[in-house]
């Protein structure tokens, strides 16, 4: 089976997927809200969109918190190994851990930006139909 060997390409694909998914969700949201003719139905669907964005926001916050806790634990363990001189490659491992955390942060920030845009779109439709 052929896989992607280069981690940089894999990281670009992950970020691209996050951006494409966000654009697709926003496009569907705007299309559905724009296609509804009855203002009351538009407000109901927009409120459901806000509830959806709130659930995604809470899930993203939990993911972010758990990831930071795991990163801090790994980092602490690696720093202890470095002080004790147990592993000669510990500096490389620390760099890899920090790099993976920065990639996770970038992905989380992009997802959070699209969640904020979903809130904004829903609020615009709610206030436009009132």
C-alpha atoms as a PDB file:
ATOM      1  CA  UNK A   1       0.000   0.000   0.000  1.00  0.00           C
ATOM      2  CA  UNK A   2       1.341   3.421  -0.969  1.00  0.00           C
ATOM      3  CA  UNK A   3       1.279   6.083   1.730  1.00  0.00           C
ATOM      4  CA  UNK A   4       2.429   9.617   2.153  1.00  0.00           C
ATOM      5  CA  UNK A   5       5.974   9.460   3.474  1.00  0.00           C
ATOM      6  CA  UNK A   6       6.782  13.151   3.773  1.00  0.00           C
ATOM      7  CA  UNK A   7       5.391  14.569   7.036  1.00  0.00           C
ATOM      8  CA  UNK A   8       5.330  18.111   5.615  1.00  0.00           C
ATOM      9  CA  UNK A   9       2.994  17.044   2.835  1.00  0.00           C
ATOM     10  CA  UNK A  10       0.841  15.224   5.377  1.00  0.00           C
ATOM     11  CA  UNK A  11       0.624  18.360   7.530  1.00  0.00           C
ATOM     12  CA  UNK A  12      -0.348  20.501   4.542  1.00  0.00           C
ATOM     13  CA  UNK A  13      -3.052  17.975   3.682  1.00  0.00           C
ATOM     14  CA  UNK A  14      -4.425  18.090   7.236  1.00  0.00           C
ATOM     15  CA  UNK A  15      -4.593  21.877   7.205  1.00  0.00           C
ATOM     16  CA  UNK A  16      -6.075  21.875   3.706  1.00  0.00           C
ATOM     17  CA  UNK A  17      -8.743  19.426   4.828  1.00  0.00           C
ATOM     18  CA  UNK A  18      -9.636  21.639   7.800  1.00  0.00           C
ATOM     19  CA  UNK A  19      -9.956  24.683   5.545  1.00  0.00           C
ATOM     20  CA  UNK A  20     -11.947  22.794   2.880  1.00  0.00           C
ATOM     21  CA  UNK A  21     -14.304  21.370   5.494  1.00  0.00           C
ATOM     22  CA  UNK A  22     -14.868  24.802   7.022  1.00  0.00           C
ATOM     23  CA  UNK A  23     -15.596  26.378   3.639  1.00  0.00           C
ATOM     24  CA  UNK A  24     -17.957  23.533   2.743  1.00  0.00           C
ATOM     25  CA  UNK A  25     -19.860  23.827   6.026  1.00  0.00           C
ATOM     26  CA  UNK A  26     -20.175  27.594   5.654  1.00  0.00           C
ATOM     27  CA  UNK A  27     -21.324  27.255   2.045  1.00  0.00           C
ATOM     28  CA  UNK A  28     -23.985  24.717   2.962  1.00  0.00           C
ATOM     29  CA  UNK A  29     -25.107  26.845   5.902  1.00  0.00           C
ATOM     30  CA  UNK A  30     -25.453  30.002   3.786  1.00  0.00           C
ATOM     31  CA  UNK A  31     -27.232  28.089   1.001  1.00  0.00           C
ATOM     32  CA  UNK A  32     -29.748  26.466   3.352  1.00  0.00           C
ATOM     33  CA  UNK A  33     -30.445  29.668   5.272  1.00  0.00           C
ATOM     34  CA  UNK A  34     -30.796  31.622   2.025  1.00  0.00           C
ATOM     35  CA  UNK A  35     -33.108  29.044   0.445  1.00  0.00           C
ATOM     36  CA  UNK A  36     -35.641  29.113   3.279  1.00  0.00           C
ATOM     37  CA  UNK A  37     -38.417  31.535   2.378  1.00  0.00           C
ATOM     38  CA  UNK A  38     -40.328  31.776   5.649  1.00  0.00           C
ATOM     39  CA  UNK A  39     -38.592  34.154   8.107  1.00  0.00           C
ATOM     40  CA  UNK A  40     -39.713  32.111  11.130  1.00  0.00           C
ATOM     41  CA  UNK A  41     -38.194  28.953   9.667  1.00  0.00           C
ATOM     42  CA  UNK A  42     -34.979  30.829   8.909  1.00  0.00           C
ATOM     43  CA  UNK A  43     -34.707  31.962  12.529  1.00  0.00           C
ATOM     44  CA  UNK A  44     -35.319  28.407  13.802  1.00  0.00           C
ATOM     45  CA  UNK A  45     -32.686  26.925  11.481  1.00  0.00           C
ATOM     46  CA  UNK A  46     -30.213  29.695  12.346  1.00  0.00           C
ATOM     47  CA  UNK A  47     -30.709  29.021  16.069  1.00  0.00           C
ATOM     48  CA  UNK A  48     -30.050  25.329  15.376  1.00  0.00           C
ATOM     49  CA  UNK A  49     -26.873  26.429  13.562  1.00  0.00           C
ATOM     50  CA  UNK A  50     -25.799  28.377  16.642  1.00  0.00           C
ATOM     51  CA  UNK A  51     -26.432  25.312  18.799  1.00  0.00           C
ATOM     52  CA  UNK A  52     -24.348  23.221  16.380  1.00  0.00           C
ATOM     53  CA  UNK A  53     -21.502  25.772  16.487  1.00  0.00           C
ATOM     54  CA  UNK A  54     -21.671  25.823  20.292  1.00  0.00           C
ATOM     55  CA  UNK A  55     -21.349  22.038  20.483  1.00  0.00           C
ATOM     56  CA  UNK A  56     -18.405  22.090  18.058  1.00  0.00           C
ATOM     57  CA  UNK A  57     -16.808  24.891  20.057  1.00  0.00           C
ATOM     58  CA  UNK A  58     -17.084  22.905  23.291  1.00  0.00           C
ATOM     59  CA  UNK A  59     -15.635  19.810  21.599  1.00  0.00           C
ATOM     60  CA  UNK A  60     -12.753  21.839  20.171  1.00  0.00           C
ATOM     61  CA  UNK A  61     -12.038  23.318  23.599  1.00  0.00           C
ATOM     62  CA  UNK A  62     -11.953  19.834  25.171  1.00  0.00           C
ATOM     63  CA  UNK A  63      -9.656  18.566  22.405  1.00  0.00           C
ATOM     64  CA  UNK A  64      -7.400  21.574  22.897  1.00  0.00           C
ATOM     65  CA  UNK A  65      -7.281  21.107  26.687  1.00  0.00           C
ATOM     66  CA  UNK A  66      -6.560  17.379  26.545  1.00  0.00           C
ATOM     67  CA  UNK A  67      -3.901  17.922  23.888  1.00  0.00           C
ATOM     68  CA  UNK A  68      -2.164  20.566  26.005  1.00  0.00           C
ATOM     69  CA  UNK A  69      -2.213  18.273  29.035  1.00  0.00           C
ATOM     70  CA  UNK A  70      -0.689  15.429  27.015  1.00  0.00           C
ATOM     71  CA  UNK A  71       1.930  17.746  25.505  1.00  0.00           C
ATOM     72  CA  UNK A  72       2.881  19.095  28.959  1.00  0.00           C
ATOM     73  CA  UNK A  73       3.203  15.560  30.312  1.00  0.00           C
ATOM     74  CA  UNK A  74       5.390  14.466  27.389  1.00  0.00           C
ATOM     75  CA  UNK A  75       7.490  17.591  27.655  1.00  0.00           C
ATOM     76  CA  UNK A  76       7.979  17.117  31.401  1.00  0.00           C
ATOM     77  CA  UNK A  77       9.001  13.496  30.905  1.00  0.00           C
ATOM     78  CA  UNK A  78      11.460  14.430  28.178  1.00  0.00           C
ATOM     79  CA  UNK A  79      12.955  17.221  30.296  1.00  0.00           C
ATOM     80  CA  UNK A  80      13.454  14.731  33.149  1.00  0.00           C
ATOM     81  CA  UNK A  81      15.194  12.324  30.753  1.00  0.00           C
ATOM     82  CA  UNK A  82      17.390  15.168  29.568  1.00  0.00           C
ATOM     83  CA  UNK A  83      18.432  16.066  33.124  1.00  0.00           C
ATOM     84  CA  UNK A  84      19.204  12.433  33.932  1.00  0.00           C
ATOM     85  CA  UNK A  85      21.041  11.889  30.637  1.00  0.00           C
ATOM     86  CA  UNK A  86      19.090   8.694  29.880  1.00  0.00           C
ATOM     87  CA  UNK A  87      18.552   9.286  26.163  1.00  0.00           C
ATOM     88  CA  UNK A  88      21.036  10.972  23.822  1.00  0.00           C
ATOM     89  CA  UNK A  89      18.260  11.816  21.327  1.00  0.00           C
ATOM     90  CA  UNK A  90      16.081  13.649  23.834  1.00  0.00           C
ATOM     91  CA  UNK A  91      16.648  17.084  22.254  1.00  0.00           C
ATOM     92  CA  UNK A  92      15.307  15.802  18.933  1.00  0.00           C
ATOM     93  CA  UNK A  93      12.290  14.310  20.714  1.00  0.00           C
ATOM     94  CA  UNK A  94      11.595  17.617  22.466  1.00  0.00           C
ATOM     95  CA  UNK A  95      11.764  19.426  19.117  1.00  0.00           C
ATOM     96  CA  UNK A  96       9.397  16.878  17.546  1.00  0.00           C
ATOM     97  CA  UNK A  97       6.953  17.214  20.443  1.00  0.00           C
ATOM     98  CA  UNK A  98       6.988  21.011  20.185  1.00  0.00           C
ATOM     99  CA  UNK A  99       6.540  20.887  16.407  1.00  0.00           C
ATOM    100  CA  UNK A 100       3.567  18.542  16.658  1.00  0.00           C
ATOM    101  CA  UNK A 101       1.961  20.805  19.264  1.00  0.00           C
ATOM    102  CA  UNK A 102       2.381  23.829  17.007  1.00  0.00           C
ATOM    103  CA  UNK A 103       0.709  21.933  14.130  1.00  0.00           C
ATOM    104  CA  UNK A 104      -2.172  20.991  16.417  1.00  0.00           C
ATOM    105  CA  UNK A 105      -2.511  24.627  17.505  1.00  0.00           C
ATOM    106  CA  UNK A 106      -2.638  25.849  13.915  1.00  0.00           C
ATOM    107  CA  UNK A 107      -5.297  23.270  13.050  1.00  0.00           C
ATOM    108  CA  UNK A 108      -7.324  24.205  16.139  1.00  0.00           C
ATOM    109  CA  UNK A 109      -7.099  27.925  15.377  1.00  0.00           C
ATOM    110  CA  UNK A 110      -8.346  27.354  11.829  1.00  0.00           C
ATOM    111  CA  UNK A 111     -11.243  25.217  13.057  1.00  0.00           C
ATOM    112  CA  UNK A 112     -12.055  27.829  15.706  1.00  0.00           C
ATOM    113  CA  UNK A 113     -12.100  30.591  13.096  1.00  0.00           C
ATOM    114  CA  UNK A 114     -14.624  28.678  11.009  1.00  0.00           C
ATOM    115  CA  UNK A 115     -16.769  28.044  14.083  1.00  0.00           C
ATOM    116  CA  UNK A 116     -16.749  31.784  14.757  1.00  0.00           C
ATOM    117  CA  UNK A 117     -17.783  32.411  11.146  1.00  0.00           C
ATOM    118  CA  UNK A 118     -20.671  29.958  11.593  1.00  0.00           C
ATOM    119  CA  UNK A 119     -21.841  31.936  14.633  1.00  0.00           C
ATOM    120  CA  UNK A 120     -21.580  35.146  12.634  1.00  0.00           C
ATOM    121  CA  UNK A 121     -23.513  33.784   9.628  1.00  0.00           C
ATOM    122  CA  UNK A 122     -26.303  32.470  11.836  1.00  0.00           C
ATOM    123  CA  UNK A 123     -26.548  35.735  13.762  1.00  0.00           C
ATOM    124  CA  UNK A 124     -26.659  37.755  10.536  1.00  0.00           C
ATOM    125  CA  UNK A 125     -29.538  35.628   9.232  1.00  0.00           C
ATOM    126  CA  UNK A 126     -31.398  35.848  12.539  1.00  0.00           C
ATOM    127  CA  UNK A 127     -31.195  39.634  12.703  1.00  0.00           C
ATOM    128  CA  UNK A 128     -31.921  40.022   8.986  1.00  0.00           C
ATOM    129  CA  UNK A 129     -35.171  38.054   9.307  1.00  0.00           C
ATOM    130  CA  UNK A 130     -36.471  39.718  12.486  1.00  0.00           C
END
